Each structure stands twice: as structure tokens, then as C-alpha cells.
Amino acid sequence: MQPRPCTCTPMCELRTTNPMRLRQSRRADPTFAAASVFRTADPSANDLAGRLTRYAVLAHEPSVPIVAADYWLHSEPFYLDVMGGLGSVVAGEPEVESALARLVRQPDDTAAERRFENRLRSLLDRRPDLGGQVEGALDAADDNVYIHYFHGSGCESTASPVELDDVWQRAKSTQRPEPDRSGEIHVVIPLMDRTGTGRVRNLVACLLALRDQSPSAPLHQVTVVEYDTHPRWRHVIEPMVDRYIHVHGTGRFNKSWTVNVGVCQTRAPARLLCLLDADMVVDRDFLERNRARFDDPGHDAHLPHTECLSLDVTSTHRVIAQRCLAGEPEAPLPMSRGLLLRDAPGGCLWIRSELFHRIGGFDERYAGWGGEDEDMIVRTSAAGATVQYDDVMVHLAHERPPMRRGDGEPFNAHVPVGTWTGESGYGSLTGPATAGTS
């Protein structure tokens, strides 16, 4: 079921008044390797204790409000409604109340989480009538929240750290694929990491996963564009990619301009563009699967994913170690923990080059976190057939950027959504365009 339209946040207002016209493609086979984590790997919908425990974590885990500001503002009232019902369920049960209080104090403690879930399950087995006090709030939350919680059955609380040097040494010991000279696929990845606190390590992990594709995967070229005052990470990135570009950027990250530069300043245009965030780790069939989706002649662009799993720090180390260092074919999701963002418009967009240029690329007036991805989907879906598939994208942890101005307003609230055309230019090395609208 789709969330009910509302206008509680700028994101909700946008989706109500100018919706992303996505044609959804869902796979009926739940065993398909890339099917949605939320629907295939989470406990059964009939597992009331598991569902309630996840909402207890969502209502109190400090990482939830900062993973996506609009998603949190929309979802929080539903979390609180579930917590109100949960309070009624455990009232008068000292052991369960005590376990819940500990989880509320330590929502990132997986031992506290399991202890509460087990005690709650025992209570509900003994008193199944209690479920009626909270099922309505649970169903409403399941249908409407944008941030879910995922905790794989084999997840452990510790993992050996994986740092930049670990993945860089691995990269230097592996062979770069032959560059694509057919003009089929161009992967463009934007980057800003001024502090070295995770993003450049994540980028190298992302590039390692792109190197490790199936033997039948199509050839591709990779461009990384670094937004910074100087080419800070050129020495790390340039040996790993077909083209490295530095753009002089100060202040808040302008992802839109950075991506547009990567597309427009490449010498060999490609038929298909894969616009990929630097924190994504893809599976071994990623390129082959997504290229094949363009066999549909009426298909102009697509999001590969319905959900994006934003891993916690420990799971990030584990995923990089297994997917990128040990060479496993996909991220070990059953061993992972994180927040599952539903219907996220960002992370990865595949698009025919012709459509990208017809709409003028990304809107370069966006600067700082938020809005540019949804704006792009609004325009691609208005100009051509845009599909949403049922994969899960895996997002590695990193330090989160600010998501609001000092007065609490979104950074890009002033940008009129869906009005960019690129008529005055886009993707110039001299700087982002400030015009280019209809």
C-alpha cells in the first residue's frame, strides 16, 4: 500500500502536488536475490513482537532523525502512536517494562533489543488478546512511514574496522577492467570528502564493487567528479577510474552540478548513464541486470530500488570486508543492521543520455542536502517513461551533513520544483548555472 498523501513536510507536499510518476515493477518471486529486504528478509508480518520491537528502536535510535530529515518528520508521529499502544501492552508486566526501558535508553544495544523482543513475545504468547491494543497503530505505521528498521538474523554487534588504506591496497592489487569503447554505459559518481571521515573510503569500496562484475556484464566507463577547493583525493581516485575531474567548490556540496559536469565533460558519450552515489556498494550482477532493463524500448529511466538500506557503522565494516575485500557476490544482508528508506529517489538513477540532455540534467540551483533527486525524478517522469524496480541499494555509513538551515528551513526550499530546463547551459567547468528554467 502506498503512503497516504499529506503535506506535513516539503517532501510530502511535493509528492502530493507534483508526484513522481513512476511505473512500478515488483517481482512476485520472493526468492529473487535482489528483491526488497523489507518484504523478504524481515520477520513475518504476523510476528507482532518483532514489529513492535522495531518501532521501539525507530522511535528512540539517535541515527533515525539524521538519516533523512523529511522522512523523519513525516514518520515520527506514527512511531509515537505505536509506542503509545506498546506502553498499554506492557503495562503491569514489570519484567517486560524493565526490558523496554533499557531498550529506550540504549536503542543501539542489540542485546537489549533481543531481550525486550523475547520477553514481549512471551507476554503476547501468554496474552494474545493484548495485540488488539496496538495492531491498528502498527498497520497505519507500516503503510505510512518512510524509515523502517532492518536487523538481519545473523547480525553481530562487532566487526573489524575497514579503513581507507585497506580498500586502497586492495584496489592497487586488482586489475582495472578494460574501458568501454562502445559508448554503452557511463557511470558517473560525485564526491565531496573534506575531512576523510568515510566518504572516500566508501567511494573506493564502491569502485571495487563495480570492478567485480559478472563475466557477462557489459563494459562501462567510470567518471568520478570531486567537489572541493582542491583535488584532495585525486591520488586515490585517478588510478581507479577512466576519468577523474576536479571542480572547484566551496560551501555546501552541489551534487547536481557535480553530476552534470561528469556527464557533459566526458569525451566519449554513452547511450546509458548510471548516476551513482559514492556510498553505494552494488552486487556482482548490477551492471548486467540494469542494462538489460533498457531492452524495453518504452523505458527511458529507472530507479533500480524500492528501498535503500542505510547501514550502521559496524555493518558497513562487515559489508566492505565481505563484498569488496573477500569478493562475495553481494552484500551480506542477513548479517547487517540499518535503516531502510522507502521510495528514496536518490542513490542511483539509470537514464538514457538522450533524456538526460533533453531535460537539462540535474537542476544546478540545488546546493546542500535535499531535493535535487526528487526534482530530477519529477522531470524525468514527466518527460519519459520512468520505472521503479524492486532491488535494494546498500548505503555505507558516513558522517551526516547538515540537513537544515540555522532557522530550521530546508536548504533548497526556495527552488521551484520541476522548472529547470538547462536552457542557459549545464555541466560547465566554470561553475553551476543559476538560470536554465522554463
Protein backbone atom coordinates (compact mmCIF):
# COMPACT_ATOMS: atom_id res chain seq x y z
CA MET A 1 0.00 0.00 0.00
CA GLN A 2 1.25 3.50 -0.82
CA PRO A 3 1.52 6.12 1.94
CA ARG A 4 -1.47 8.43 2.25
CA PRO A 5 -0.90 11.84 0.60
CA CYS A 6 -0.17 14.59 3.08
CA THR A 7 1.58 17.95 3.29
CA CYS A 8 3.37 17.65 6.63
CA THR A 9 6.82 18.32 5.12
CA PRO A 10 8.14 19.88 1.90
CA MET A 11 8.83 16.36 0.66
CA CYS A 12 5.24 15.30 1.31
CA GLU A 13 3.87 18.44 -0.29
CA LEU A 14 5.97 17.82 -3.37
CA ARG A 15 4.81 14.22 -3.67
CA THR A 16 1.18 15.31 -3.25
CA THR A 17 1.17 18.26 -5.63
CA ASN A 18 3.79 17.19 -8.17
CA PRO A 19 4.13 13.44 -7.79
CA MET A 20 6.88 11.25 -9.17
CA ARG A 21 5.09 9.44 -11.97
CA LEU A 22 6.88 6.15 -11.54
CA ARG A 23 5.79 2.93 -13.17
CA GLN A 24 6.45 0.32 -10.51
CA SER A 25 7.84 -3.08 -11.34
CA ARG A 26 7.52 -5.57 -8.50
CA ARG A 27 8.77 -9.16 -8.58
CA ALA A 28 6.33 -11.81 -7.38
CA ASP A 29 9.10 -14.29 -6.56
CA PRO A 30 10.32 -13.50 -3.02
CA THR A 31 13.44 -15.63 -3.54
CA PHE A 32 14.82 -13.32 -6.24
CA ALA A 33 18.27 -12.27 -4.99
CA ALA A 34 17.71 -8.54 -5.35
CA ALA A 35 14.16 -8.39 -4.05
CA SER A 36 13.27 -5.92 -1.34
CA VAL A 37 14.95 -6.57 2.01
CA PHE A 38 11.98 -5.20 3.90
CA ARG A 39 9.48 -7.62 2.38
CA THR A 40 11.62 -10.74 2.16
CA ALA A 41 14.16 -10.67 5.00
CA ASP A 42 12.28 -9.04 7.86
CA PRO A 43 10.27 -11.18 10.27
CA SER A 44 6.80 -12.18 9.22
CA ALA A 45 4.02 -9.61 9.34
CA ASN A 46 2.40 -11.98 11.85
CA ASP A 47 5.34 -11.58 14.24
CA LEU A 48 3.80 -8.91 16.43
CA ALA A 49 6.67 -8.85 18.94
CA GLY A 50 9.23 -8.30 16.19
CA ARG A 51 7.23 -5.50 14.59
CA LEU A 52 6.74 -3.70 17.91
CA THR A 53 10.40 -4.05 18.82
CA ARG A 54 11.49 -2.47 15.54
CA TYR A 55 9.26 0.53 16.18
CA ALA A 56 10.67 0.90 19.69
CA VAL A 57 14.12 1.19 18.09
CA LEU A 58 12.89 3.60 15.40
CA ALA A 59 11.29 5.91 17.97
CA HIS A 60 14.49 6.24 20.03
CA GLU A 61 17.59 5.41 17.91
CA PRO A 62 19.58 8.69 17.51
CA SER A 63 20.52 7.89 13.90
CA VAL A 64 16.90 7.87 12.70
CA PRO A 65 16.26 11.66 12.75
CA ILE A 66 19.51 12.35 10.89
CA VAL A 67 19.28 9.74 8.14
CA ALA A 68 16.74 11.81 6.17
CA ALA A 69 15.18 14.89 7.75
CA ASP A 70 11.88 14.99 5.84
CA TYR A 71 11.41 11.24 6.18
CA TRP A 72 11.81 11.55 9.95
CA LEU A 73 9.39 14.48 10.32
CA HIS A 74 6.75 12.57 8.38
CA SER A 75 7.32 9.24 10.18
CA GLU A 76 7.77 10.31 13.81
CA PRO A 77 4.03 10.69 14.64
CA PHE A 78 3.43 7.11 13.51
CA TYR A 79 6.33 5.85 15.63
CA LEU A 80 4.88 7.63 18.67
CA ASP A 81 1.40 6.21 18.06
CA VAL A 82 2.88 2.70 18.09
CA MET A 83 4.82 3.47 21.26
CA GLY A 84 1.62 4.63 22.95
CA GLY A 85 -0.03 1.32 22.16
CA LEU A 86 3.08 -0.59 23.21
CA GLY A 87 3.00 1.15 26.60
CA SER A 88 -0.52 -0.16 27.12
CA VAL A 89 0.53 -3.69 26.13
CA VAL A 90 3.40 -3.93 28.63
CA ALA A 91 1.71 -2.04 31.50
CA GLY A 92 1.67 -4.10 34.69
CA GLU A 93 4.35 -6.52 33.44
CA PRO A 94 7.48 -5.48 35.38
CA GLU A 95 9.99 -7.66 33.51
CA VAL A 96 8.75 -6.51 30.09
CA GLU A 97 8.51 -2.88 31.22
CA SER A 98 12.06 -3.04 32.53
CA ALA A 99 13.34 -4.54 29.25
CA LEU A 100 11.55 -1.82 27.28
CA ALA A 101 13.01 0.91 29.49
CA ARG A 102 16.51 -0.42 28.87
CA LEU A 103 15.92 -0.52 25.10
CA VAL A 104 14.63 3.06 25.15
CA ARG A 105 17.80 4.13 26.98
CA GLN A 106 20.07 2.06 24.71
CA PRO A 107 18.29 1.68 21.36
CA ASP A 108 21.53 0.74 19.57
CA ASP A 109 22.23 -2.11 22.02
CA THR A 110 21.30 -5.25 20.06
CA ALA A 111 21.39 -7.37 23.24
CA ALA A 112 18.81 -5.05 24.84
CA GLU A 113 16.75 -5.26 21.66
CA ARG A 114 16.70 -9.05 21.65
CA ARG A 115 15.97 -9.23 25.39
CA PHE A 116 12.93 -6.99 25.02
CA GLU A 117 11.68 -8.79 21.92
CA ASN A 118 11.92 -12.19 23.63
CA ARG A 119 10.12 -11.00 26.77
CA LEU A 120 7.44 -9.28 24.73
CA ARG A 121 6.92 -12.39 22.64
CA SER A 122 6.46 -14.48 25.77
CA LEU A 123 3.89 -11.99 27.05
CA LEU A 124 1.95 -11.99 23.77
CA ASP A 125 2.02 -15.80 23.62
CA ARG A 126 0.52 -15.84 27.09
CA ARG A 127 -1.89 -12.95 26.44
CA PRO A 128 -2.72 -12.86 22.69
CA ASP A 129 -5.64 -10.52 23.42
CA LEU A 130 -3.17 -7.70 24.11
CA GLY A 131 -2.27 -7.44 20.44
CA GLY A 132 -5.56 -5.73 19.66
CA GLN A 133 -4.43 -2.66 21.62
CA VAL A 134 -1.72 -1.81 19.11
CA GLU A 135 -2.42 -3.53 15.78
CA GLY A 136 -4.26 -0.52 14.33
CA ALA A 137 -1.35 1.83 15.04
CA LEU A 138 1.09 -0.76 13.68
CA ASP A 139 -0.82 -1.18 10.41
CA ALA A 140 -1.06 2.59 9.95
CA ALA A 141 2.67 2.95 10.58
CA ASP A 142 3.60 0.14 8.19
CA ASP A 143 1.59 1.84 5.46
CA ASN A 144 2.88 5.36 6.03
CA VAL A 145 6.37 5.63 7.49
CA TYR A 146 9.34 6.23 5.21
CA ILE A 147 12.05 4.90 7.56
CA HIS A 148 11.94 1.26 8.64
CA TYR A 149 14.44 -0.68 10.73
CA PHE A 150 16.26 -3.76 9.46
CA HIS A 151 18.16 -6.19 11.67
CA GLY A 152 19.36 -9.34 9.93
CA SER A 153 19.07 -12.63 11.76
CA GLY A 154 22.83 -13.22 11.67
CA CYS A 155 23.93 -9.72 12.63
CA GLU A 156 26.65 -9.42 15.26
CA SER A 157 27.45 -6.38 17.40
CA THR A 158 31.13 -6.12 16.44
CA ALA A 159 33.24 -6.17 13.29
CA SER A 160 36.87 -5.47 12.47
CA PRO A 161 37.27 -1.90 11.20
CA VAL A 162 37.94 -1.42 7.49
CA GLU A 163 39.68 1.87 6.69
CA LEU A 164 40.68 3.73 3.55
CA ASP A 165 44.11 2.13 3.40
CA ASP A 166 42.56 -1.35 3.49
CA VAL A 167 40.38 -0.81 0.44
CA TRP A 168 43.00 1.25 -1.38
CA GLN A 169 45.59 -1.53 -1.00
CA ARG A 170 43.01 -3.97 -2.34
CA ALA A 171 42.36 -1.68 -5.29
CA LYS A 172 46.06 -1.47 -6.13
CA SER A 173 46.25 -5.27 -6.19
CA THR A 174 43.31 -5.77 -8.56
CA GLN A 175 43.18 -5.13 -12.27
CA ARG A 176 41.07 -2.35 -13.72
CA PRO A 177 38.51 -3.59 -16.26
CA GLU A 178 39.01 -2.74 -19.92
CA PRO A 179 37.33 0.63 -20.53
CA ASP A 180 34.14 0.70 -22.54
CA ARG A 181 34.84 1.92 -26.07
CA SER A 182 31.39 1.05 -27.40
CA GLY A 183 29.63 4.00 -25.81
CA GLU A 184 27.17 1.77 -23.93
CA ILE A 185 27.35 2.67 -20.20
CA HIS A 186 28.85 5.66 -18.41
CA VAL A 187 28.89 5.51 -14.60
CA VAL A 188 29.18 8.98 -13.02
CA ILE A 189 29.93 9.28 -9.30
CA PRO A 190 30.07 12.61 -7.42
CA LEU A 191 32.23 13.02 -4.31
CA MET A 192 32.93 15.53 -1.58
CA ASP A 193 35.03 14.46 1.42
CA ARG A 194 36.87 17.38 3.04
CA THR A 195 37.65 15.54 6.28
CA GLY A 196 38.42 11.97 5.28
CA THR A 197 35.73 10.69 7.66
CA GLY A 198 34.38 7.89 5.49
CA ARG A 199 33.18 9.03 2.10
CA VAL A 200 36.42 8.49 0.19
CA ARG A 201 36.77 5.04 1.75
CA ASN A 202 33.19 4.34 0.70
CA LEU A 203 33.96 5.55 -2.82
CA VAL A 204 36.89 3.14 -3.15
CA ALA A 205 34.62 0.33 -1.90
CA CYS A 206 32.01 1.39 -4.47
CA LEU A 207 34.63 1.29 -7.24
CA LEU A 208 35.87 -2.13 -6.13
CA ALA A 209 32.32 -3.49 -6.36
CA LEU A 210 31.99 -2.02 -9.86
CA ARG A 211 35.22 -3.78 -10.85
CA ASP A 212 33.83 -7.09 -9.57
CA GLN A 213 31.02 -7.61 -12.06
CA SER A 214 29.86 -10.84 -13.72
CA PRO A 215 31.85 -12.06 -16.75
CA SER A 216 28.85 -11.31 -18.99
CA ALA A 217 28.48 -7.74 -17.67
CA PRO A 218 28.67 -5.01 -20.30
CA LEU A 219 31.78 -2.89 -20.50
CA HIS A 220 31.49 0.53 -18.94
CA GLN A 221 33.42 3.70 -18.26
CA VAL A 222 33.59 5.36 -14.85
CA THR A 223 33.99 9.07 -14.13
CA VAL A 224 34.38 10.45 -10.61
CA VAL A 225 33.93 14.18 -10.07
CA GLU A 226 35.34 15.63 -6.85
CA TYR A 227 33.82 18.86 -5.48
CA ASP A 228 36.37 20.65 -3.29
CA THR A 229 38.65 23.65 -3.06
CA HIS A 230 41.49 21.50 -4.44
CA PRO A 231 41.83 17.95 -5.83
CA ARG A 232 42.15 16.46 -2.35
CA TRP A 233 41.71 12.79 -3.24
CA ARG A 234 42.99 12.75 -6.80
CA HIS A 235 45.93 10.48 -5.89
CA VAL A 236 43.49 7.84 -4.60
CA ILE A 237 40.78 8.12 -7.22
CA GLU A 238 42.50 8.75 -10.55
CA PRO A 239 44.26 5.36 -10.82
CA MET A 240 40.93 3.58 -10.27
CA VAL A 241 38.72 5.26 -12.87
CA ASP A 242 38.58 6.12 -16.55
CA ARG A 243 38.36 9.82 -15.79
CA TYR A 244 38.81 11.93 -12.69
CA ILE A 245 37.55 15.54 -12.74
CA HIS A 246 38.01 18.14 -10.04
CA VAL A 247 35.58 21.06 -9.81
CA HIS A 248 36.31 23.99 -7.56
CA GLY A 249 33.61 24.01 -4.91
CA THR A 250 33.26 25.87 -1.64
CA GLY A 251 30.47 25.75 0.91
CA ARG A 252 27.66 23.22 0.66
CA PHE A 253 28.01 20.32 -1.78
CA ASN A 254 26.36 20.92 -5.14
CA LYS A 255 25.67 17.36 -6.25
CA SER A 256 23.61 18.48 -9.24
CA TRP A 257 26.41 20.49 -10.82
CA THR A 258 28.99 17.82 -9.98
CA VAL A 259 26.99 15.09 -11.73
CA ASN A 260 26.26 17.32 -14.73
CA VAL A 261 29.98 18.03 -15.13
CA GLY A 262 30.72 14.31 -15.10
CA VAL A 263 28.22 13.70 -17.88
CA CYS A 264 28.97 16.75 -20.02
CA GLN A 265 32.77 16.84 -19.82
CA THR A 266 33.35 13.24 -20.88
CA ARG A 267 34.97 12.76 -24.26
CA ALA A 268 33.06 9.60 -25.19
CA PRO A 269 29.27 10.00 -24.71
CA ALA A 270 27.43 6.81 -23.79
CA ARG A 271 23.95 5.58 -24.62
CA LEU A 272 23.10 4.89 -20.96
CA LEU A 273 24.04 6.80 -17.83
CA CYS A 274 24.30 5.29 -14.36
CA LEU A 275 24.36 8.17 -11.85
CA LEU A 276 25.58 6.55 -8.66
CA ASP A 277 26.24 7.95 -5.19
CA ALA A 278 29.73 7.32 -3.80
CA ASP A 279 28.41 5.45 -0.74
CA MET A 280 26.67 2.62 -2.59
CA VAL A 281 28.04 -0.92 -2.77
CA VAL A 282 26.47 -2.85 -5.64
CA ASP A 283 26.19 -6.58 -6.26
CA ARG A 284 28.01 -8.52 -8.97
CA ASP A 285 25.06 -8.53 -11.38
CA PHE A 286 24.32 -4.81 -11.01
CA LEU A 287 25.53 -3.65 -14.43
CA GLU A 288 24.17 -6.61 -16.38
CA ARG A 289 20.75 -6.51 -14.69
CA ASN A 290 20.23 -2.79 -15.13
CA ARG A 291 21.47 -2.63 -18.71
CA ALA A 292 19.04 -5.43 -19.63
CA ARG A 293 16.16 -3.41 -18.24
CA PHE A 294 16.58 -0.98 -21.15
CA ASP A 295 15.61 -3.73 -23.57
CA ASP A 296 12.13 -2.28 -23.04
CA PRO A 297 12.02 0.34 -25.85
CA GLY A 298 9.46 2.43 -23.94
CA HIS A 299 11.66 2.64 -20.88
CA ASP A 300 13.66 5.89 -20.59
CA ALA A 301 14.92 5.93 -17.00
CA HIS A 302 14.69 3.88 -13.84
CA LEU A 303 15.41 3.69 -10.16
CA PRO A 304 16.77 0.19 -9.50
CA HIS A 305 15.44 0.22 -5.96
CA THR A 306 12.33 0.48 -3.86
CA GLU A 307 14.29 0.66 -0.62
CA CYS A 308 17.75 1.87 0.32
CA LEU A 309 19.37 0.14 3.30
CA SER A 310 21.48 2.68 5.20
CA LEU A 311 23.88 0.52 7.19
CA ASP A 312 25.14 1.28 10.66
CA VAL A 313 28.89 1.66 11.23
CA THR A 314 29.51 -1.95 12.27
CA SER A 315 27.58 -3.39 9.35
CA THR A 316 29.41 -1.04 7.00
CA HIS A 317 32.75 -2.55 8.05
CA ARG A 318 31.34 -6.04 7.61
CA VAL A 319 29.85 -5.36 4.17
CA ILE A 320 33.02 -3.75 2.82
CA ALA A 321 35.13 -6.62 4.15
CA GLN A 322 32.98 -9.32 2.58
CA ARG A 323 31.84 -7.70 -0.66
CA CYS A 324 34.95 -5.68 -1.54
CA LEU A 325 37.88 -7.41 0.18
CA ALA A 326 36.74 -11.05 0.23
CA GLY A 327 34.93 -10.80 -3.11
CA GLU A 328 31.50 -12.09 -2.08
CA PRO A 329 28.98 -11.56 -4.92
CA GLU A 330 26.69 -9.32 -2.87
CA ALA A 331 26.47 -7.54 0.44
CA PRO A 332 25.80 -9.96 3.33
CA LEU A 333 22.39 -8.52 4.23
CA PRO A 334 21.41 -11.22 6.77
CA MET A 335 24.48 -10.12 8.76
CA SER A 336 23.60 -6.44 8.53
CA ARG A 337 21.73 -3.81 10.52
CA GLY A 338 20.49 -0.43 9.41
CA LEU A 339 17.65 1.89 8.47
CA LEU A 340 15.57 1.10 5.44
CA LEU A 341 14.47 4.16 3.49
CA ARG A 342 11.34 3.56 1.48
CA ASP A 343 10.83 5.00 -2.01
CA ALA A 344 14.05 7.01 -1.80
CA PRO A 345 14.55 8.93 -5.08
CA GLY A 346 18.33 9.17 -4.68
CA GLY A 347 21.28 6.81 -4.53
CA CYS A 348 21.18 5.58 -8.11
CA LEU A 349 19.46 6.66 -11.30
CA TRP A 350 19.80 4.96 -14.67
CA ILE A 351 18.77 7.14 -17.61
CA ARG A 352 19.17 7.26 -21.37
CA SER A 353 21.61 10.01 -22.29
CA GLU A 354 19.13 11.48 -24.73
CA LEU A 355 16.58 12.10 -21.96
CA PHE A 356 19.21 13.45 -19.57
CA HIS A 357 20.22 16.11 -22.06
CA ARG A 358 16.68 16.80 -23.20
CA ILE A 359 15.71 17.91 -19.67
CA GLY A 360 19.00 19.71 -19.00
CA GLY A 361 20.40 17.28 -16.44
CA PHE A 362 20.08 17.97 -12.73
CA ASP A 363 18.92 21.37 -11.50
CA GLU A 364 22.14 23.17 -10.55
CA ARG A 365 20.36 25.63 -8.26
CA TYR A 366 20.22 22.95 -5.54
CA ALA A 367 23.09 23.23 -3.03
CA GLY A 368 23.31 21.31 0.22
CA TRP A 369 21.31 18.29 1.32
CA GLY A 370 17.91 17.55 -0.11
CA GLY A 371 15.59 17.98 -3.03
CA GLU A 372 17.70 17.55 -6.15
CA ASP A 373 16.98 13.83 -6.58
CA GLU A 374 13.21 14.20 -6.27
CA ASP A 375 13.28 17.19 -8.61
CA MET A 376 15.13 15.05 -11.16
CA ILE A 377 12.60 12.22 -10.92
CA VAL A 378 9.70 14.67 -11.24
CA ARG A 379 11.21 15.92 -14.51
CA THR A 380 12.29 12.55 -15.93
CA SER A 381 8.87 11.03 -15.24
CA ALA A 382 7.15 14.00 -16.88
CA ALA A 383 9.36 13.78 -19.97
CA GLY A 384 9.62 9.99 -20.42
CA ALA A 385 8.68 6.60 -19.01
CA THR A 386 10.40 6.17 -15.62
CA VAL A 387 10.29 2.81 -13.83
CA GLN A 388 10.95 1.86 -10.21
CA TYR A 389 12.30 -1.66 -9.71
CA ASP A 390 12.39 -3.75 -6.56
CA ASP A 391 16.12 -4.03 -5.82
CA VAL A 392 17.65 -2.85 -2.57
CA MET A 393 20.55 -0.39 -2.70
CA VAL A 394 23.11 -0.75 0.08
CA HIS A 395 24.39 2.53 1.55
CA LEU A 396 27.58 2.69 3.61
CA ALA A 397 27.78 4.75 6.80
CA HIS A 398 29.50 8.12 6.85
CA GLU A 399 29.34 11.38 8.77
CA ARG A 400 25.99 13.03 8.04
CA PRO A 401 25.81 16.55 6.59
CA PRO A 402 23.54 19.28 7.97
CA MET A 403 20.01 18.91 6.60
CA ARG A 404 18.52 22.29 7.54
CA ARG A 405 19.50 25.94 7.65
CA GLY A 406 20.06 27.58 11.02
CA ASP A 407 16.42 28.69 11.11
CA GLY A 408 15.22 25.11 10.58
CA GLU A 409 14.14 25.60 6.96
CA PRO A 410 15.32 23.19 4.21
CA PHE A 411 18.36 24.44 2.31
CA ASN A 412 16.59 24.30 -1.02
CA ALA A 413 13.06 25.40 -0.13
CA HIS A 414 13.45 28.40 -2.45
CA VAL A 415 13.98 26.29 -5.59
CA PRO A 416 10.76 25.86 -7.63
CA VAL A 417 10.49 22.13 -8.27
CA GLY A 418 10.35 20.85 -11.83
CA THR A 419 11.13 24.15 -13.57
CA TRP A 420 14.72 23.51 -14.68
CA THR A 421 15.38 23.08 -18.42
CA GLY A 422 19.11 23.76 -18.74
CA GLU A 423 18.44 26.26 -21.49
CA SER A 424 21.25 28.53 -20.27
CA GLY A 425 23.70 25.68 -20.00
CA TYR A 426 24.62 22.98 -17.52
CA GLY A 427 27.67 20.91 -16.64
CA SER A 428 30.16 23.71 -17.22
CA LEU A 429 33.55 23.52 -15.51
CA THR A 430 33.36 27.22 -14.68
CA GLY A 431 30.60 26.81 -12.10
CA PRO A 432 26.95 25.89 -11.56
CA ALA A 433 24.34 27.64 -13.68
CA THR A 434 21.90 29.88 -11.86
CA ALA A 435 19.41 30.04 -14.73
CA GLY A 436 18.09 27.47 -17.12
CA THR A 437 14.37 27.36 -16.35
CA SER A 438 11.20 27.39 -18.38
